[in-house]
Amino acid sequence: MDTLLNQLDDNLKELYRKALDADALLDNLQQQGHAKHQRIFADNSLFQASSNRFMPYLAETAEQVAAMRQSQQFNTATLQRVVKQLKQLHSTLADFRAVITKQAN
């Protein structure tokens, strides 16, 4: 179980820097009159959070991992949800970075 939790933590650490960078870019875009979206994930059943920045979604996922670590037990549904959240964050942040990079060139 520790190996699994460590892998989840590694994913969270990787996403943390990406989410901070993406949120800073979104702040900058919003100051320029862009980034007028209401939420990152519209009508998403994976997250309870609803935000126009990435960090609240990452925080929600991190809280679930911390709860699993603290209790030293989890059910398969919780693990599947966390993995799906991590995958969605990874793919959305990668897509966001690709769009920003493409626009910069």
Protein backbone atom coordinates (compact mmCIF):
# COMPACT_ATOMS: atom_id res chain seq x y z
CA MET A 1 0.00 0.00 0.00
CA ASP A 2 2.88 2.39 0.74
CA THR A 3 4.17 1.97 -2.81
CA LEU A 4 0.78 2.88 -4.22
CA LEU A 5 0.45 5.91 -1.96
CA ASN A 6 3.97 7.02 -2.88
CA GLN A 7 3.08 6.80 -6.58
CA LEU A 8 -0.02 8.89 -5.98
CA ASP A 9 2.09 11.43 -4.05
CA ASP A 10 4.59 11.57 -6.93
CA ASN A 11 1.75 12.33 -9.32
CA LEU A 12 0.47 15.07 -7.02
CA LYS A 13 3.93 16.62 -6.79
CA GLU A 14 4.31 16.61 -10.57
CA LEU A 15 0.88 18.16 -11.03
CA TYR A 16 1.47 20.78 -8.34
CA ARG A 17 4.09 22.69 -10.30
CA LYS A 18 2.10 22.39 -13.53
CA ALA A 19 -1.08 23.61 -11.83
CA LEU A 20 0.73 26.58 -10.28
CA ASP A 21 2.19 27.54 -13.65
CA ALA A 22 -1.15 27.11 -15.42
CA ASP A 23 -2.99 29.16 -12.80
CA ALA A 24 -0.39 31.93 -13.13
CA LEU A 25 -0.89 31.91 -16.90
CA LEU A 26 -4.65 32.03 -16.42
CA ASP A 27 -4.26 34.99 -14.04
CA ASN A 28 -2.17 36.77 -16.66
CA LEU A 29 -4.66 35.98 -19.43
CA GLN A 30 -7.53 37.19 -17.29
CA GLN A 31 -5.75 40.48 -16.60
CA GLN A 32 -5.45 40.89 -20.37
CA GLY A 33 -9.21 40.40 -20.75
CA HIS A 34 -9.06 36.73 -21.73
CA ALA A 35 -9.76 33.53 -19.73
CA LYS A 36 -13.38 34.37 -19.05
CA HIS A 37 -14.39 30.75 -18.37
CA GLN A 38 -16.30 29.87 -15.20
CA ARG A 39 -14.74 26.47 -14.49
CA ILE A 40 -11.91 24.29 -15.71
CA PHE A 41 -14.08 21.16 -15.80
CA ALA A 42 -17.62 22.01 -16.88
CA ASP A 43 -20.26 19.53 -15.73
CA ASN A 44 -17.68 17.12 -14.36
CA SER A 45 -18.78 14.35 -12.04
CA LEU A 46 -15.22 13.50 -10.95
CA PHE A 47 -14.69 16.62 -8.87
CA GLN A 48 -16.76 18.34 -6.24
CA ALA A 49 -14.66 21.48 -6.69
CA SER A 50 -15.81 24.08 -9.17
CA SER A 51 -13.20 26.66 -10.08
CA ASN A 52 -11.69 28.58 -12.96
CA ARG A 53 -8.23 27.57 -11.70
CA PHE A 54 -6.51 24.18 -11.41
CA MET A 55 -5.33 24.25 -7.79
CA PRO A 56 -8.73 23.62 -6.14
CA TYR A 57 -9.11 20.44 -8.19
CA LEU A 58 -5.61 19.33 -7.27
CA ALA A 59 -6.27 20.13 -3.61
CA GLU A 60 -9.42 18.00 -3.65
CA THR A 61 -7.47 15.06 -5.07
CA ALA A 62 -4.62 15.56 -2.58
CA GLU A 63 -7.11 15.52 0.31
CA GLN A 64 -8.40 12.15 -0.81
CA VAL A 65 -4.88 10.73 -1.02
CA ALA A 66 -4.08 12.13 2.44
CA ALA A 67 -7.24 10.51 3.84
CA MET A 68 -6.22 7.16 2.36
CA ARG A 69 -2.75 7.53 3.87
CA GLN A 70 -4.12 8.47 7.28
CA SER A 71 -6.63 5.63 7.46
CA GLN A 72 -4.25 3.14 5.80
CA GLN A 73 -7.25 1.72 3.98
CA PHE A 74 -9.37 2.60 1.02
CA ASN A 75 -11.93 1.02 -1.19
CA THR A 76 -11.51 0.34 -4.86
CA ALA A 77 -14.04 3.01 -5.83
CA THR A 78 -12.05 5.71 -4.00
CA LEU A 79 -8.81 4.62 -5.62
CA GLN A 80 -10.42 4.54 -9.07
CA ARG A 81 -11.83 8.03 -8.54
CA VAL A 82 -8.43 9.42 -7.48
CA VAL A 83 -6.70 7.79 -10.46
CA LYS A 84 -9.32 9.22 -12.84
CA GLN A 85 -8.92 12.66 -11.27
CA LEU A 86 -5.14 12.48 -11.68
CA LYS A 87 -5.48 11.37 -15.30
CA GLN A 88 -7.92 14.17 -16.06
CA LEU A 89 -5.66 16.76 -14.44
CA HIS A 90 -2.62 15.45 -16.32
CA SER A 91 -4.38 15.48 -19.69
CA THR A 92 -6.10 18.84 -19.22
CA LEU A 93 -2.90 20.53 -18.05
CA ALA A 94 -1.02 19.02 -21.02
CA ASP A 95 -3.72 20.22 -23.42
CA PHE A 96 -3.66 23.68 -21.84
CA ARG A 97 0.13 23.85 -22.12
CA ALA A 98 -0.04 22.74 -25.78
CA VAL A 99 -2.56 25.47 -26.64
CA ILE A 100 -0.54 28.16 -24.84
CA THR A 101 2.70 27.01 -26.51
CA LYS A 102 1.02 26.94 -29.94
CA GLN A 103 -0.33 30.47 -29.47
CA ALA A 104 3.09 31.73 -28.36
CA ASN A 105 4.69 30.52 -31.58
